[in-house]
């Protein structure tokens, strides 16, 4: 049964789907940044071990650059986590709104079904009353 809430439900469902896709995308980007940070850490460790074993290798500039990259990746990771938390909060709000609209639509359907059931029962009651009245009239005619 269609309700006046159906359009709002579709819009809200679309918003939830878009947020879900955005959260998924943001999680993927965050995962890539975390992997990049891990690669930088491994590279720095490997380079430090290499430099420790060979005094002729000067890795100071490389390690400085990698520390800078790691800092940038850490900042990016913090930003992505904050954005992901924000998206999750928005998704919770959107889902709450969706559930509220869905509850209102269910209430509308139940009210409509109750009205139909009451009308049907009233029709049955009217039919039974008419049958009773006709039967009484028939009995009166026979006795008169």
Protein backbone atom coordinates (compact mmCIF):
# COMPACT_ATOMS: atom_id res chain seq x y z
CA UNK A 1 0.00 0.00 0.00
CA UNK A 2 1.35 3.40 -0.95
CA UNK A 3 1.73 5.98 1.77
CA UNK A 4 2.48 9.70 1.78
CA UNK A 5 5.83 8.74 3.32
CA UNK A 6 7.09 6.61 0.41
CA UNK A 7 8.92 9.45 -1.37
CA UNK A 8 10.65 10.50 1.85
CA UNK A 9 11.64 6.87 2.47
CA UNK A 10 13.18 6.60 -1.00
CA UNK A 11 15.11 9.85 -0.55
CA UNK A 12 16.36 8.77 2.86
CA UNK A 13 17.32 5.30 1.57
CA UNK A 14 19.25 6.94 -1.27
CA UNK A 15 21.05 9.15 1.26
CA UNK A 16 21.94 6.11 3.37
CA UNK A 17 23.25 4.30 0.29
CA UNK A 18 25.37 7.31 -0.69
CA UNK A 19 26.77 7.55 2.83
CA UNK A 20 27.53 3.86 2.84
CA UNK A 21 29.46 4.26 -0.42
CA UNK A 22 31.29 7.31 0.97
CA UNK A 23 32.19 5.43 4.15
CA UNK A 24 33.44 2.50 2.11
CA UNK A 25 35.48 4.81 -0.12
CA UNK A 26 36.89 6.71 2.87
CA UNK A 27 37.79 3.43 4.58
CA UNK A 28 39.64 2.31 1.45
CA UNK A 29 41.59 5.57 1.27
CA UNK A 30 42.40 5.33 4.98
CA UNK A 31 43.63 1.77 4.47
CA UNK A 32 45.90 2.94 1.64
CA UNK A 33 47.34 5.73 3.81
CA UNK A 34 47.98 3.25 6.63
CA UNK A 35 49.72 0.89 4.20
CA UNK A 36 51.82 3.78 2.89
CA UNK A 37 52.81 4.69 6.46
CA UNK A 38 53.77 1.07 7.09
CA UNK A 39 55.85 1.03 3.88
CA UNK A 40 57.63 4.22 4.95
CA UNK A 41 58.35 2.75 8.39
CA UNK A 42 59.73 -0.45 6.86
CA UNK A 43 61.81 1.56 4.38
CA UNK A 44 63.19 3.76 7.15
CA UNK A 45 64.06 0.74 9.27
CA UNK A 46 65.73 -0.98 6.32
CA UNK A 47 67.70 2.16 5.43
CA UNK A 48 68.76 2.70 9.06
CA UNK A 49 69.96 -0.91 9.26
CA UNK A 50 71.83 -0.50 5.98
CA UNK A 51 73.46 2.75 7.12
CA UNK A 52 74.41 1.22 10.47
CA UNK A 53 76.22 -1.60 8.67
CA UNK A 54 78.13 0.61 6.25
CA UNK A 55 79.56 3.91 7.46
CA UNK A 56 80.19 5.03 3.88
CA UNK A 57 76.44 5.26 3.28
CA UNK A 58 74.96 8.58 4.35
CA UNK A 59 71.24 8.14 4.82
CA UNK A 60 70.54 11.27 6.82
CA UNK A 61 68.80 13.13 3.96
CA UNK A 62 66.79 10.06 3.00
CA UNK A 63 65.66 9.44 6.57
CA UNK A 64 64.78 13.12 6.97
CA UNK A 65 62.64 12.96 3.83
CA UNK A 66 60.97 9.75 5.01
CA UNK A 67 60.21 11.29 8.42
CA UNK A 68 58.58 14.22 6.64
CA UNK A 69 56.56 11.83 4.48
CA UNK A 70 55.57 9.84 7.55
CA UNK A 71 54.43 13.06 9.27
CA UNK A 72 52.35 14.01 6.22
CA UNK A 73 50.83 10.54 6.11
CA UNK A 74 50.05 10.72 9.83
CA UNK A 75 48.31 14.08 9.37
CA UNK A 76 46.40 12.67 6.41
CA UNK A 77 45.44 9.60 8.44
CA UNK A 78 44.11 11.76 11.29
CA UNK A 79 42.09 13.83 8.81
CA UNK A 80 40.68 10.73 7.15
CA UNK A 81 39.74 9.18 10.50
CA UNK A 82 37.98 12.40 11.52
CA UNK A 83 36.09 12.49 8.20
CA UNK A 84 35.20 8.81 8.56
CA UNK A 85 33.86 9.41 12.08
CA UNK A 86 31.84 12.35 10.76
CA UNK A 87 30.40 10.23 7.95
CA UNK A 88 29.51 7.47 10.39
CA UNK A 89 27.72 9.97 12.65
CA UNK A 90 25.80 11.30 9.65
CA UNK A 91 24.90 7.75 8.63
CA UNK A 92 23.57 7.03 12.13
CA UNK A 93 21.45 10.19 11.97
CA UNK A 94 20.21 9.34 8.47
CA UNK A 95 19.32 5.80 9.54
CA UNK A 96 17.47 7.14 12.58
CA UNK A 97 15.49 9.48 10.34
CA UNK A 98 14.80 6.59 7.96
CA UNK A 99 13.50 4.42 10.80
CA UNK A 100 11.29 7.27 12.07
CA UNK A 101 9.79 7.76 8.60
CA UNK A 102 9.40 4.01 8.21
CA UNK A 103 7.57 3.83 11.55
CA UNK A 104 5.27 6.66 10.47
CA UNK A 105 4.58 4.84 7.18
CA UNK A 106 3.79 1.62 9.07
CA UNK A 107 1.43 3.55 11.35
CA UNK A 108 -0.27 5.04 8.30
CA UNK A 109 -0.70 1.56 6.79
CA UNK A 110 -2.08 0.17 10.04
CA UNK A 111 -4.53 3.06 10.33
CA UNK A 112 -5.66 2.53 6.74
CA UNK A 113 -6.08 -1.21 7.34
CA UNK A 114 -8.02 -0.50 10.54
CA UNK A 115 -10.34 1.89 8.67
CA UNK A 116 -10.93 -0.76 5.98
CA UNK A 117 -11.53 -3.45 8.60
CA UNK A 118 -13.97 -1.19 10.47
CA UNK A 119 -15.81 -0.40 7.24
CA UNK A 120 -15.97 -4.09 6.38
CA UNK A 121 -17.24 -4.94 9.86
CA UNK A 122 -19.83 -2.14 9.63
CA UNK A 123 -21.00 -3.60 6.31
CA UNK A 124 -21.27 -7.06 7.85
CA UNK A 125 -23.15 -5.62 10.85
CA UNK A 126 -25.54 -3.74 8.55
CA UNK A 127 -26.14 -6.89 6.51
CA UNK A 128 -26.81 -8.91 9.67
CA UNK A 129 -29.16 -6.23 11.02
CA UNK A 130 -31.06 -6.10 7.71
CA UNK A 131 -31.37 -9.89 7.69
CA UNK A 132 -32.69 -9.81 11.25
CA UNK A 133 -35.20 -7.05 10.43
CA UNK A 134 -36.39 -8.92 7.33
CA UNK A 135 -36.80 -12.11 9.35
CA UNK A 136 -38.85 -10.27 12.02
CA UNK A 137 -41.05 -8.69 9.37
CA UNK A 138 -41.60 -12.05 7.79
CA UNK A 139 -42.58 -13.52 11.17
CA UNK A 140 -44.99 -10.61 11.84
CA UNK A 141 -46.65 -11.05 8.46
CA UNK A 142 -47.13 -14.72 9.07
CA UNK A 143 -48.63 -14.13 12.51
CA UNK A 144 -50.91 -11.36 11.34
